[in-house]
C-alpha atoms as a PDB file:
ATOM      1  CA  MET A   1      68.625  84.540  99.335  1.00  0.00           C
ATOM      2  CA  LYS A   2      68.255  84.833 103.106  1.00  0.00           C
ATOM      3  CA  ILE A   3      71.139  86.861 104.570  1.00  0.00           C
ATOM      4  CA  LEU A   4      72.164  87.262 108.195  1.00  0.00           C
ATOM      5  CA  ALA A   5      73.918  90.609 108.790  1.00  0.00           C
ATOM      6  CA  ASN A   6      75.255  89.436 112.121  1.00  0.00           C
ATOM      7  CA  ASP A   7      77.441  92.423 112.973  1.00  0.00           C
ATOM      8  CA  GLY A   8      75.025  95.000 111.597  1.00  0.00           C
ATOM      9  CA  ILE A   9      74.769  96.664 108.212  1.00  0.00           C
ATOM     10  CA  ASP A  10      74.320 100.195 106.972  1.00  0.00           C
ATOM     11  CA  PRO A  11      70.633 100.878 106.239  1.00  0.00           C
ATOM     12  CA  LEU A  12      71.494 101.775 102.638  1.00  0.00           C
ATOM     13  CA  GLY A  13      73.295  98.450 102.163  1.00  0.00           C
ATOM     14  CA  LYS A  14      70.348  96.581 103.641  1.00  0.00           C
ATOM     15  CA  LYS A  15      67.948  98.406 101.329  1.00  0.00           C
ATOM     16  CA  MET A  16      70.102  97.640  98.291  1.00  0.00           C
ATOM     17  CA  LEU A  17      70.124  93.936  99.138  1.00  0.00           C
ATOM     18  CA  GLU A  18      66.369  93.908  99.756  1.00  0.00           C
ATOM     19  CA  ASP A  19      65.726  95.809  96.508  1.00  0.00           C
ATOM     20  CA  ALA A  20      67.697  93.064  94.762  1.00  0.00           C
ATOM     21  CA  GLY A  21      65.241  90.516  96.147  1.00  0.00           C
ATOM     22  CA  HIS A  22      67.137  89.269  99.185  1.00  0.00           C
ATOM     23  CA  SER A  23      65.859  88.967 102.744  1.00  0.00           C
ATOM     24  CA  VAL A  24      68.181  90.599 105.295  1.00  0.00           C
ATOM     25  CA  ASP A  25      68.021  89.806 109.008  1.00  0.00           C
ATOM     26  CA  THR A  26      69.967  92.183 111.257  1.00  0.00           C
ATOM     27  CA  THR A  27      69.371  90.244 114.477  1.00  0.00           C
ATOM     28  CA  HIS A  28      72.711  89.598 116.171  1.00  0.00           C
ATOM     29  CA  ILE A  29      73.250  85.941 116.991  1.00  0.00           C
ATOM     30  CA  PRO A  30      75.941  85.238 119.611  1.00  0.00           C
ATOM     31  CA  GLN A  31      78.948  83.280 118.316  1.00  0.00           C
ATOM     32  CA  GLU A  32      78.094  80.171 120.347  1.00  0.00           C
ATOM     33  CA  GLU A  33      74.559  80.019 118.842  1.00  0.00           C
ATOM     34  CA  LEU A  34      75.634  80.469 115.222  1.00  0.00           C
ATOM     35  CA  PRO A  35      76.183  76.771 114.374  1.00  0.00           C
ATOM     36  CA  GLU A  36      72.508  76.049 115.064  1.00  0.00           C
ATOM     37  CA  LYS A  37      70.858  79.278 113.897  1.00  0.00           C
ATOM     38  CA  LEU A  38      72.934  79.947 110.773  1.00  0.00           C
ATOM     39  CA  LEU A  39      71.344  76.857 109.204  1.00  0.00           C
ATOM     40  CA  ALA A  40      68.309  79.028 108.394  1.00  0.00           C
ATOM     41  CA  TYR A  41      70.391  81.378 106.185  1.00  0.00           C
ATOM     42  CA  ASP A  42      72.094  81.202 102.794  1.00  0.00           C
ATOM     43  CA  ALA A  43      74.644  83.939 103.490  1.00  0.00           C
ATOM     44  CA  ILE A  44      76.228  85.834 106.350  1.00  0.00           C
ATOM     45  CA  THR A  45      77.807  89.258 106.513  1.00  0.00           C
ATOM     46  CA  VAL A  46      80.191  90.063 109.336  1.00  0.00           C
ATOM     47  CA  ARG A  47      82.542  92.781 110.453  1.00  0.00           C
ATOM     48  CA  SER A  48      85.203  91.995 113.051  1.00  0.00           C
ATOM     49  CA  ALA A  49      83.202  90.541 115.926  1.00  0.00           C
ATOM     50  CA  THR A  50      81.825  87.361 114.346  1.00  0.00           C
ATOM     51  CA  LYS A  51      84.266  84.567 113.502  1.00  0.00           C
ATOM     52  CA  VAL A  52      83.523  82.275 110.578  1.00  0.00           C
ATOM     53  CA  ARG A  53      85.881  79.347 111.102  1.00  0.00           C
ATOM     54  CA  GLN A  54      86.081  75.848 109.639  1.00  0.00           C
ATOM     55  CA  ALA A  55      83.766  74.251 112.215  1.00  0.00           C
ATOM     56  CA  LEU A  56      81.028  76.806 111.530  1.00  0.00           C
ATOM     57  CA  ILE A  57      81.455  76.408 107.771  1.00  0.00           C
ATOM     58  CA  ASP A  58      81.228  72.626 108.065  1.00  0.00           C
ATOM     59  CA  GLY A  59      78.117  72.909 110.235  1.00  0.00           C
ATOM     60  CA  CYS A  60      76.265  75.061 107.687  1.00  0.00           C
ATOM     61  CA  PRO A  61      76.226  73.178 104.366  1.00  0.00           C
ATOM     62  CA  ASN A  62      73.683  75.582 102.830  1.00  0.00           C
ATOM     63  CA  LEU A  63      75.999  78.601 103.233  1.00  0.00           C
ATOM     64  CA  LYS A  64      76.733  80.134  99.825  1.00  0.00           C
ATOM     65  CA  VAL A  65      78.302  83.526 100.614  1.00  0.00           C
ATOM     66  CA  ILE A  66      80.351  85.032 103.428  1.00  0.00           C
ATOM     67  CA  GLY A  67      80.674  88.808 103.215  1.00  0.00           C
ATOM     68  CA  ARG A  68      83.033  90.926 105.295  1.00  0.00           C
ATOM     69  CA  GLY A  69      82.172  94.598 105.749  1.00  0.00           C
ATOM     70  CA  GLY A  70      85.745  95.813 105.956  1.00  0.00           C
ATOM     71  CA  VAL A  71      89.239  95.330 104.650  1.00  0.00           C
ATOM     72  CA  GLY A  72      90.802  92.384 106.484  1.00  0.00           C
ATOM     73  CA  MET A  73      89.391  88.885 106.561  1.00  0.00           C
ATOM     74  CA  ASP A  74      91.370  87.421 109.439  1.00  0.00           C
ATOM     75  CA  ASN A  75      88.127  86.432 111.203  1.00  0.00           C
ATOM     76  CA  ILE A  76      87.142  84.156 108.292  1.00  0.00           C
ATOM     77  CA  ASP A  77      88.770  80.900 107.145  1.00  0.00           C
ATOM     78  CA  VAL A  78      88.820  82.215 103.586  1.00  0.00           C
ATOM     79  CA  GLU A  79      90.685  79.441 101.775  1.00  0.00           C
ATOM     80  CA  TYR A  80      88.703  76.729 103.515  1.00  0.00           C
ATOM     81  CA  ALA A  81      85.385  78.391 102.690  1.00  0.00           C
ATOM     82  CA  ARG A  82      86.396  78.829  99.049  1.00  0.00           C
ATOM     83  CA  SER A  83      87.502  75.186  98.884  1.00  0.00           C
ATOM     84  CA  LYS A  84      83.920  74.314  99.883  1.00  0.00           C
ATOM     85  CA  GLY A  85      82.503  76.431  97.033  1.00  0.00           C
ATOM     86  CA  ILE A  86      81.464  79.335  99.262  1.00  0.00           C
ATOM     87  CA  ALA A  87      82.049  82.800  97.851  1.00  0.00           C
ATOM     88  CA  VAL A  88      83.988  85.021 100.259  1.00  0.00           C
ATOM     89  CA  VAL A  89      83.953  88.748  99.594  1.00  0.00           C
ATOM     90  CA  ASN A  90      84.984  91.895 101.402  1.00  0.00           C
ATOM     91  CA  THR A  91      85.075  95.655 100.857  1.00  0.00           C
ATOM     92  CA  PRO A  92      88.790  96.324 100.296  1.00  0.00           C
ATOM     93  CA  ALA A  93      88.506 100.045  99.553  1.00  0.00           C
ATOM     94  CA  ALA A  94      85.875 100.839 102.185  1.00  0.00           C
ATOM     95  CA  SER A  95      88.226 102.760 104.449  1.00  0.00           C
ATOM     96  CA  SER A  96      90.440 104.404 101.811  1.00  0.00           C
ATOM     97  CA  LEU A  97      88.921 107.878 102.157  1.00  0.00           C
ATOM     98  CA  SER A  98      89.002 107.748 105.957  1.00  0.00           C
ATOM     99  CA  VAL A  99      92.636 106.637 105.949  1.00  0.00           C
ATOM    100  CA  ALA A 100      93.576 109.447 103.552  1.00  0.00           C
ATOM    101  CA  GLU A 101      91.790 111.985 105.757  1.00  0.00           C
ATOM    102  CA  LEU A 102      93.573 110.667 108.836  1.00  0.00           C
ATOM    103  CA  VAL A 103      96.961 110.934 107.107  1.00  0.00           C
ATOM    104  CA  PHE A 104      96.322 114.571 106.251  1.00  0.00           C
ATOM    105  CA  ALA A 105      95.080 115.270 109.787  1.00  0.00           C
ATOM    106  CA  HIS A 106      98.294 113.836 111.217  1.00  0.00           C
ATOM    107  CA  LEU A 107     100.393 115.799 108.721  1.00  0.00           C
ATOM    108  CA  LEU A 108      98.682 119.052 109.685  1.00  0.00           C
ATOM    109  CA  ASN A 109      98.989 118.177 113.352  1.00  0.00           C
ATOM    110  CA  GLY A 110     102.690 117.475 112.942  1.00  0.00           C
ATOM    111  CA  VAL A 111     103.590 120.670 111.100  1.00  0.00           C
ATOM    112  CA  ARG A 112     101.323 122.983 113.124  1.00  0.00           C
ATOM    113  CA  PHE A 113     101.815 121.415 116.582  1.00  0.00           C
ATOM    114  CA  LEU A 114      98.069 121.271 117.088  1.00  0.00           C
ATOM    115  CA  TYR A 115      98.280 118.695 119.852  1.00  0.00           C
ATOM    116  CA  ASP A 116     100.535 120.929 121.950  1.00  0.00           C
ATOM    117  CA  ALA A 117      98.379 123.978 121.257  1.00  0.00           C
ATOM    118  CA  ASN A 118      95.196 122.119 122.128  1.00  0.00           C
ATOM    119  CA  ARG A 119      96.634 121.014 125.473  1.00  0.00           C
ATOM    120  CA  LYS A 120      98.524 124.136 126.516  1.00  0.00           C
ATOM    121  CA  MET A 121      96.381 127.051 125.331  1.00  0.00           C
ATOM    122  CA  PRO A 122      93.330 126.309 127.524  1.00  0.00           C
ATOM    123  CA  VAL A 123      95.542 125.959 130.600  1.00  0.00           C
ATOM    124  CA  GLU A 124      98.184 128.674 130.042  1.00  0.00           C
ATOM    125  CA  GLY A 125      96.751 130.803 127.241  1.00  0.00           C
ATOM    126  CA  ASN A 126      95.447 133.595 129.477  1.00  0.00           C
ATOM    127  CA  THR A 127      98.702 134.067 131.335  1.00  0.00           C
ATOM    128  CA  LYS A 128     101.442 132.989 128.902  1.00  0.00           C
ATOM    129  CA  PHE A 129      99.924 133.659 125.487  1.00  0.00           C
ATOM    130  CA  GLY A 130     102.980 135.391 124.045  1.00  0.00           C
ATOM    131  CA  ALA A 131     105.385 132.669 125.083  1.00  0.00           C
ATOM    132  CA  LEU A 132     103.049 129.904 123.919  1.00  0.00           C
ATOM    133  CA  LYS A 133     102.468 131.622 120.592  1.00  0.00           C
ATOM    134  CA  LYS A 134     106.180 131.882 120.050  1.00  0.00           C
ATOM    135  CA  SER A 135     106.949 128.298 121.144  1.00  0.00           C
ATOM    136  CA  LEU A 136     104.103 126.718 119.201  1.00  0.00           C
ATOM    137  CA  TRP A 137     103.808 128.708 115.985  1.00  0.00           C
ATOM    138  CA  CYS A 138     107.346 129.867 115.406  1.00  0.00           C
ATOM    139  CA  ARG A 139     108.617 126.285 115.312  1.00  0.00           C
ATOM    140  CA  TYR A 140     107.788 125.991 111.645  1.00  0.00           C
ATOM    141  CA  GLY A 141     109.253 129.280 110.552  1.00  0.00           C
ATOM    142  CA  ALA A 142     106.430 131.756 111.081  1.00  0.00           C
ATOM    143  CA  SER A 143     107.429 135.132 112.387  1.00  0.00           C
ATOM    144  CA  TRP A 144     105.303 137.148 114.792  1.00  0.00           C
END
């Protein structure tokens, strides 16, 4: 299968596809040129930049798979593509670890006032360290 990874692909993902016998082209084709140039491919992978809408699907009758490297598929006419027999897939759990890490970062920031400390200490730390320490760290019950 000849695959166009129009919005890029991780080198490991490209290698996995090639090891499975597929040809992967990572050349970016501008949206307005896709109707003509996508005819040379059997599948396309996209992220958020490339739109795969009904007109593009209709113009590429050899298209068998549309892959989305990410969670949402709002840039793809999913139901229409599936009604034409085209498989549409995404990576629904791809960002789960990053989202969990971000949640914990925000929790730590919220309970330790890291944003305030990061902004105020470099500016006032040399002259008002005691007051800053008290205002920033004693907010959550620590005693100095």
